[in-house]
Structures are given as structure tokens and as C-alpha cells.
Amino acid sequence: MIVRNMKLDTTDRKILHLLQQEGRMANNELASRVGLTTTPTLERVRRLERDGIIESYVAKVNREAVEKGLTVFVNVTLSAHQLNKLEEFTSAVKAIPEILACYNTTGDGDFLLHVVAKDTQDYEQLMRTKLTTLPDIQRLHTSIVLNTIKEESAIPVL
């Protein structure tokens, strides 16, 4: 990921805002909505991609439709903090597709995992077969999401 110290002007921010709302927007529609012609708009989008400001384009999938409707957060405490152990842990986490995100945190634990599963039984199986086998685990603390009040992927840029 290349992120250059690039100054984002109002038009760049509008482009980012619109693409976060609708990533499949056609260039001519994007150009119209930011007040430019298509060629400079496309050049700006390519520059934002090249400079690492736009990292990727994804489809937001309904988790329940693909049988991953349970959201779980797992606070992980490691027993040691040696560099090789941390590298083993992070490599193992990256290999588990049900872990959508892993954050190195301060506070009570060392890492916070964002995990999806079909249901509590599926999560229990995942915990027993994968999460408890992660390297250097001292403690796992699980919080199951009962209801999602707000979940955004768009970063405020305007």
C-alpha cells in the first residue's frame, strides 16, 4: 500500500465520498456529480488509486444470505510479547477467513478480532478448532453482537 503525502482538494474528497457510496458508479456519472468532464475525473480517480488513497473496490455482501449472520468480537490476550510470537500469531490470524479484521489494541487485551459465523454453534466450533489454537494465546474474551445499530464502511471525507 503506497500512501503518498498528497493534498486532497474538495473535488478529490467529493470523488472519494461518491465512490464510497456507490463504487460501481460510471465515470461519466461521477464526472457530472463532481462538476468535471470525464477525462480529468478519470485522471483523478487513477491518481487516487495509484497513490494508495483508494485501496480497493468491494461488494458489500449480506452476511445472513451467505450464512455468516452472527457477528462476534474476540478480545485476545497473549502470554508473551516476543516478536517471533507476534509474527506467528498475526500469520495464523490472516489464514482464518472468518476473521474479518484484527486490530492490535491497548487496554485489557492485545488484539481485537472481528469474527463472523453462521450461529453460536458455528462460532463455538470455530473457537474450539481455530481460535484456541492460535499461537501464544493466554485468554480469549468473546462478545456476541445482539443487534447492529450502525455499521459503516465509508470514511467521512467531506
C-alpha atoms as a PDB file:
ATOM      1  CA  MET A   1       0.000   0.000   0.000  1.00  0.00           C
ATOM      2  CA  ILE A   2       1.506   3.265  -1.160  1.00  0.00           C
ATOM      3  CA  VAL A   3       0.154   6.355   0.511  1.00  0.00           C
ATOM      4  CA  ARG A   4       1.866   9.466  -0.619  1.00  0.00           C
ATOM      5  CA  ASN A   5       1.522  12.721   1.265  1.00  0.00           C
ATOM      6  CA  MET A   6      -0.987  14.012  -1.181  1.00  0.00           C
ATOM      7  CA  LYS A   7      -3.093  17.091  -0.611  1.00  0.00           C
ATOM      8  CA  LEU A   8      -6.730  16.233  -1.244  1.00  0.00           C
ATOM      9  CA  ASP A   9      -8.777  19.108  -2.604  1.00  0.00           C
ATOM     10  CA  THR A  10     -12.561  19.447  -2.441  1.00  0.00           C
ATOM     11  CA  THR A  11     -13.049  17.638  -5.759  1.00  0.00           C
ATOM     12  CA  ASP A  12     -10.874  14.689  -4.653  1.00  0.00           C
ATOM     13  CA  ARG A  13     -12.921  14.446  -1.464  1.00  0.00           C
ATOM     14  CA  LYS A  14     -16.187  14.544  -3.423  1.00  0.00           C
ATOM     15  CA  ILE A  15     -14.907  11.739  -5.652  1.00  0.00           C
ATOM     16  CA  LEU A  16     -13.938   9.656  -2.608  1.00  0.00           C
ATOM     17  CA  HIS A  17     -17.283  10.314  -0.948  1.00  0.00           C
ATOM     18  CA  LEU A  18     -19.278   9.314  -4.038  1.00  0.00           C
ATOM     19  CA  LEU A  19     -17.217   6.191  -4.761  1.00  0.00           C
ATOM     20  CA  GLN A  20     -17.614   5.045  -1.154  1.00  0.00           C
ATOM     21  CA  GLN A  21     -21.375   5.382  -1.549  1.00  0.00           C
ATOM     22  CA  GLU A  22     -21.529   3.716  -4.955  1.00  0.00           C
ATOM     23  CA  GLY A  23     -18.308   2.045  -6.072  1.00  0.00           C
ATOM     24  CA  ARG A  24     -19.737   0.957  -9.417  1.00  0.00           C
ATOM     25  CA  MET A  25     -20.671   4.482 -10.477  1.00  0.00           C
ATOM     26  CA  ALA A  26     -19.823   5.083 -14.140  1.00  0.00           C
ATOM     27  CA  ASN A  27     -17.116   7.663 -14.784  1.00  0.00           C
ATOM     28  CA  ASN A  28     -19.474   9.934 -16.747  1.00  0.00           C
ATOM     29  CA  GLU A  29     -21.944   9.971 -13.810  1.00  0.00           C
ATOM     30  CA  LEU A  30     -19.105  10.621 -11.352  1.00  0.00           C
ATOM     31  CA  ALA A  31     -17.816  13.456 -13.535  1.00  0.00           C
ATOM     32  CA  SER A  32     -21.258  15.013 -13.742  1.00  0.00           C
ATOM     33  CA  ARG A  33     -21.735  14.859  -9.977  1.00  0.00           C
ATOM     34  CA  VAL A  34     -18.369  16.465  -9.160  1.00  0.00           C
ATOM     35  CA  GLY A  35     -18.654  19.092 -11.904  1.00  0.00           C
ATOM     36  CA  LEU A  36     -15.832  17.982 -14.194  1.00  0.00           C
ATOM     37  CA  THR A  37     -15.598  16.388 -17.617  1.00  0.00           C
ATOM     38  CA  THR A  38     -14.878  12.672 -17.868  1.00  0.00           C
ATOM     39  CA  THR A  39     -11.155  12.824 -18.707  1.00  0.00           C
ATOM     40  CA  PRO A  40      -9.985  14.876 -15.683  1.00  0.00           C
ATOM     41  CA  THR A  41     -12.300  12.857 -13.434  1.00  0.00           C
ATOM     42  CA  LEU A  42     -10.791   9.580 -14.638  1.00  0.00           C
ATOM     43  CA  GLU A  43      -7.286  11.029 -14.191  1.00  0.00           C
ATOM     44  CA  ARG A  44      -8.112  11.991 -10.605  1.00  0.00           C
ATOM     45  CA  VAL A  45      -9.543   8.542  -9.815  1.00  0.00           C
ATOM     46  CA  ARG A  46      -6.453   6.855 -11.290  1.00  0.00           C
ATOM     47  CA  ARG A  47      -4.193   9.165  -9.249  1.00  0.00           C
ATOM     48  CA  LEU A  48      -6.155   8.361  -6.075  1.00  0.00           C
ATOM     49  CA  GLU A  49      -5.753   4.637  -6.838  1.00  0.00           C
ATOM     50  CA  ARG A  50      -2.067   4.926  -7.749  1.00  0.00           C
ATOM     51  CA  ASP A  51      -1.285   6.945  -4.611  1.00  0.00           C
ATOM     52  CA  GLY A  52      -2.976   4.394  -2.354  1.00  0.00           C
ATOM     53  CA  ILE A  53      -5.826   6.659  -1.261  1.00  0.00           C
ATOM     54  CA  ILE A  54      -8.319   4.279  -2.919  1.00  0.00           C
ATOM     55  CA  GLU A  55      -7.135   0.857  -1.789  1.00  0.00           C
ATOM     56  CA  SER A  56      -9.693  -1.388  -3.481  1.00  0.00           C
ATOM     57  CA  TYR A  57     -13.267  -1.799  -4.645  1.00  0.00           C
ATOM     58  CA  VAL A  58     -15.509  -4.358  -2.956  1.00  0.00           C
ATOM     59  CA  ALA A  59     -19.089  -5.569  -2.954  1.00  0.00           C
ATOM     60  CA  LYS A  60     -20.892  -5.419   0.384  1.00  0.00           C
ATOM     61  CA  VAL A  61     -22.438  -8.853   0.877  1.00  0.00           C
ATOM     62  CA  ASN A  62     -25.435  -9.571   3.088  1.00  0.00           C
ATOM     63  CA  ARG A  63     -23.899 -11.806   5.779  1.00  0.00           C
ATOM     64  CA  GLU A  64     -27.102 -13.689   6.534  1.00  0.00           C
ATOM     65  CA  ALA A  65     -27.541 -14.539   2.849  1.00  0.00           C
ATOM     66  CA  VAL A  66     -24.197 -16.378   2.937  1.00  0.00           C
ATOM     67  CA  GLU A  67     -24.817 -17.942   6.353  1.00  0.00           C
ATOM     68  CA  LYS A  68     -22.448 -15.692   8.306  1.00  0.00           C
ATOM     69  CA  GLY A  69     -25.073 -13.680  10.198  1.00  0.00           C
ATOM     70  CA  LEU A  70     -23.507 -13.869  13.666  1.00  0.00           C
ATOM     71  CA  THR A  71     -21.003 -11.111  14.459  1.00  0.00           C
ATOM     72  CA  VAL A  72     -18.541 -11.707  17.280  1.00  0.00           C
ATOM     73  CA  PHE A  73     -15.749  -9.615  18.766  1.00  0.00           C
ATOM     74  CA  VAL A  74     -12.966 -11.502  20.490  1.00  0.00           C
ATOM     75  CA  ASN A  75     -10.520  -9.770  22.800  1.00  0.00           C
ATOM     76  CA  VAL A  76      -7.237 -11.723  22.718  1.00  0.00           C
ATOM     77  CA  THR A  77      -4.536 -11.586  25.361  1.00  0.00           C
ATOM     78  CA  LEU A  78      -1.205 -13.159  24.512  1.00  0.00           C
ATOM     79  CA  SER A  79       1.012 -14.826  27.096  1.00  0.00           C
ATOM     80  CA  ALA A  80       4.223 -13.319  25.702  1.00  0.00           C
ATOM     81  CA  HIS A  81       5.119 -10.371  23.521  1.00  0.00           C
ATOM     82  CA  GLN A  82       8.185 -11.602  21.723  1.00  0.00           C
ATOM     83  CA  LEU A  83       8.479 -10.516  18.102  1.00  0.00           C
ATOM     84  CA  ASN A  84       8.562 -14.052  16.693  1.00  0.00           C
ATOM     85  CA  LYS A  85       5.446 -14.991  18.714  1.00  0.00           C
ATOM     86  CA  LEU A  86       3.605 -11.887  17.489  1.00  0.00           C
ATOM     87  CA  GLU A  87       4.511 -12.739  13.893  1.00  0.00           C
ATOM     88  CA  GLU A  88       3.266 -16.324  14.353  1.00  0.00           C
ATOM     89  CA  PHE A  89       0.016 -15.046  15.827  1.00  0.00           C
ATOM     90  CA  THR A  90      -0.623 -12.487  13.066  1.00  0.00           C
ATOM     91  CA  SER A  91       0.188 -15.014  10.330  1.00  0.00           C
ATOM     92  CA  ALA A  92      -2.220 -17.526  11.849  1.00  0.00           C
ATOM     93  CA  VAL A  93      -4.971 -14.883  12.148  1.00  0.00           C
ATOM     94  CA  LYS A  94      -4.582 -13.928   8.485  1.00  0.00           C
ATOM     95  CA  ALA A  95      -5.182 -17.569   7.498  1.00  0.00           C
ATOM     96  CA  ILE A  96      -8.648 -17.764   9.121  1.00  0.00           C
ATOM     97  CA  PRO A  97     -11.249 -16.411   6.687  1.00  0.00           C
ATOM     98  CA  GLU A  98     -13.935 -15.975   9.362  1.00  0.00           C
ATOM     99  CA  ILE A  99     -11.765 -13.281  10.981  1.00  0.00           C
ATOM    100  CA  LEU A 100     -12.729 -10.163   9.046  1.00  0.00           C
ATOM    101  CA  ALA A 101     -10.417  -7.825  10.938  1.00  0.00           C
ATOM    102  CA  CYS A 102      -7.693  -7.974  13.558  1.00  0.00           C
ATOM    103  CA  TYR A 103      -6.682  -4.877  15.493  1.00  0.00           C
ATOM    104  CA  ASN A 104      -3.633  -4.564  17.746  1.00  0.00           C
ATOM    105  CA  THR A 105      -5.026  -2.628  20.730  1.00  0.00           C
ATOM    106  CA  THR A 106      -4.182  -1.074  24.047  1.00  0.00           C
ATOM    107  CA  GLY A 107      -6.141  -1.814  27.205  1.00  0.00           C
ATOM    108  CA  ASP A 108      -7.215  -5.149  28.653  1.00  0.00           C
ATOM    109  CA  GLY A 109      -6.198  -7.247  25.658  1.00  0.00           C
ATOM    110  CA  ASP A 110      -3.589  -7.237  22.946  1.00  0.00           C
ATOM    111  CA  PHE A 111      -5.796  -7.796  19.897  1.00  0.00           C
ATOM    112  CA  LEU A 112      -9.439  -7.390  18.969  1.00  0.00           C
ATOM    113  CA  LEU A 113     -10.790  -9.809  16.364  1.00  0.00           C
ATOM    114  CA  HIS A 114     -13.923  -9.170  14.310  1.00  0.00           C
ATOM    115  CA  VAL A 115     -15.314 -12.616  13.527  1.00  0.00           C
ATOM    116  CA  VAL A 116     -18.351 -13.864  11.615  1.00  0.00           C
ATOM    117  CA  ALA A 117     -20.084 -17.220  11.944  1.00  0.00           C
ATOM    118  CA  LYS A 118     -23.363 -18.847  10.968  1.00  0.00           C
ATOM    119  CA  ASP A 119     -24.674 -19.066  14.546  1.00  0.00           C
ATOM    120  CA  THR A 120     -23.445 -19.680  18.090  1.00  0.00           C
ATOM    121  CA  GLN A 121     -22.811 -23.369  17.430  1.00  0.00           C
ATOM    122  CA  ASP A 122     -20.721 -22.489  14.373  1.00  0.00           C
ATOM    123  CA  TYR A 123     -18.799 -19.906  16.418  1.00  0.00           C
ATOM    124  CA  GLU A 124     -18.202 -22.461  19.195  1.00  0.00           C
ATOM    125  CA  GLN A 125     -16.729 -24.855  16.624  1.00  0.00           C
ATOM    126  CA  LEU A 126     -14.564 -22.071  15.173  1.00  0.00           C
ATOM    127  CA  MET A 127     -13.386 -21.104  18.651  1.00  0.00           C
ATOM    128  CA  ARG A 128     -12.529 -24.681  19.634  1.00  0.00           C
ATOM    129  CA  THR A 129     -10.798 -25.655  16.380  1.00  0.00           C
ATOM    130  CA  LYS A 130      -9.147 -22.415  15.271  1.00  0.00           C
ATOM    131  CA  LEU A 131      -9.154 -19.558  17.779  1.00  0.00           C
ATOM    132  CA  THR A 132      -7.930 -21.531  20.793  1.00  0.00           C
ATOM    133  CA  THR A 133      -5.151 -22.992  18.647  1.00  0.00           C
ATOM    134  CA  LEU A 134      -3.734 -19.583  17.726  1.00  0.00           C
ATOM    135  CA  PRO A 135      -0.111 -19.270  18.870  1.00  0.00           C
ATOM    136  CA  ASP A 136       0.653 -17.859  22.328  1.00  0.00           C
ATOM    137  CA  ILE A 137      -2.958 -17.388  23.493  1.00  0.00           C
ATOM    138  CA  GLN A 138      -3.357 -16.679  27.188  1.00  0.00           C
ATOM    139  CA  ARG A 139      -7.012 -15.609  27.167  1.00  0.00           C
ATOM    140  CA  LEU A 140      -9.932 -15.123  24.790  1.00  0.00           C
ATOM    141  CA  HIS A 141     -12.897 -12.958  25.781  1.00  0.00           C
ATOM    142  CA  THR A 142     -15.880 -13.253  23.437  1.00  0.00           C
ATOM    143  CA  SER A 143     -18.634 -10.671  22.925  1.00  0.00           C
ATOM    144  CA  ILE A 144     -21.531 -11.681  20.691  1.00  0.00           C
ATOM    145  CA  VAL A 145     -23.368  -8.902  18.878  1.00  0.00           C
ATOM    146  CA  LEU A 146     -27.089  -8.979  19.622  1.00  0.00           C
ATOM    147  CA  ASN A 147     -28.099  -6.190  17.247  1.00  0.00           C
ATOM    148  CA  THR A 148     -26.199  -3.906  14.894  1.00  0.00           C
ATOM    149  CA  ILE A 149     -27.202  -0.293  15.448  1.00  0.00           C
ATOM    150  CA  LYS A 150     -24.782   1.264  12.957  1.00  0.00           C
ATOM    151  CA  GLU A 151     -22.201  -0.220  10.641  1.00  0.00           C
ATOM    152  CA  GLU A 152     -20.492   1.890   8.030  1.00  0.00           C
ATOM    153  CA  SER A 153     -17.560   1.198   5.793  1.00  0.00           C
ATOM    154  CA  ALA A 154     -17.371   4.694   4.330  1.00  0.00           C
ATOM    155  CA  ILE A 155     -14.855   7.043   5.933  1.00  0.00           C
ATOM    156  CA  PRO A 156     -16.086  10.649   6.287  1.00  0.00           C
ATOM    157  CA  VAL A 157     -14.033  12.691   3.821  1.00  0.00           C
ATOM    158  CA  LEU A 158     -16.134  15.804   3.208  1.00  0.00           C
END
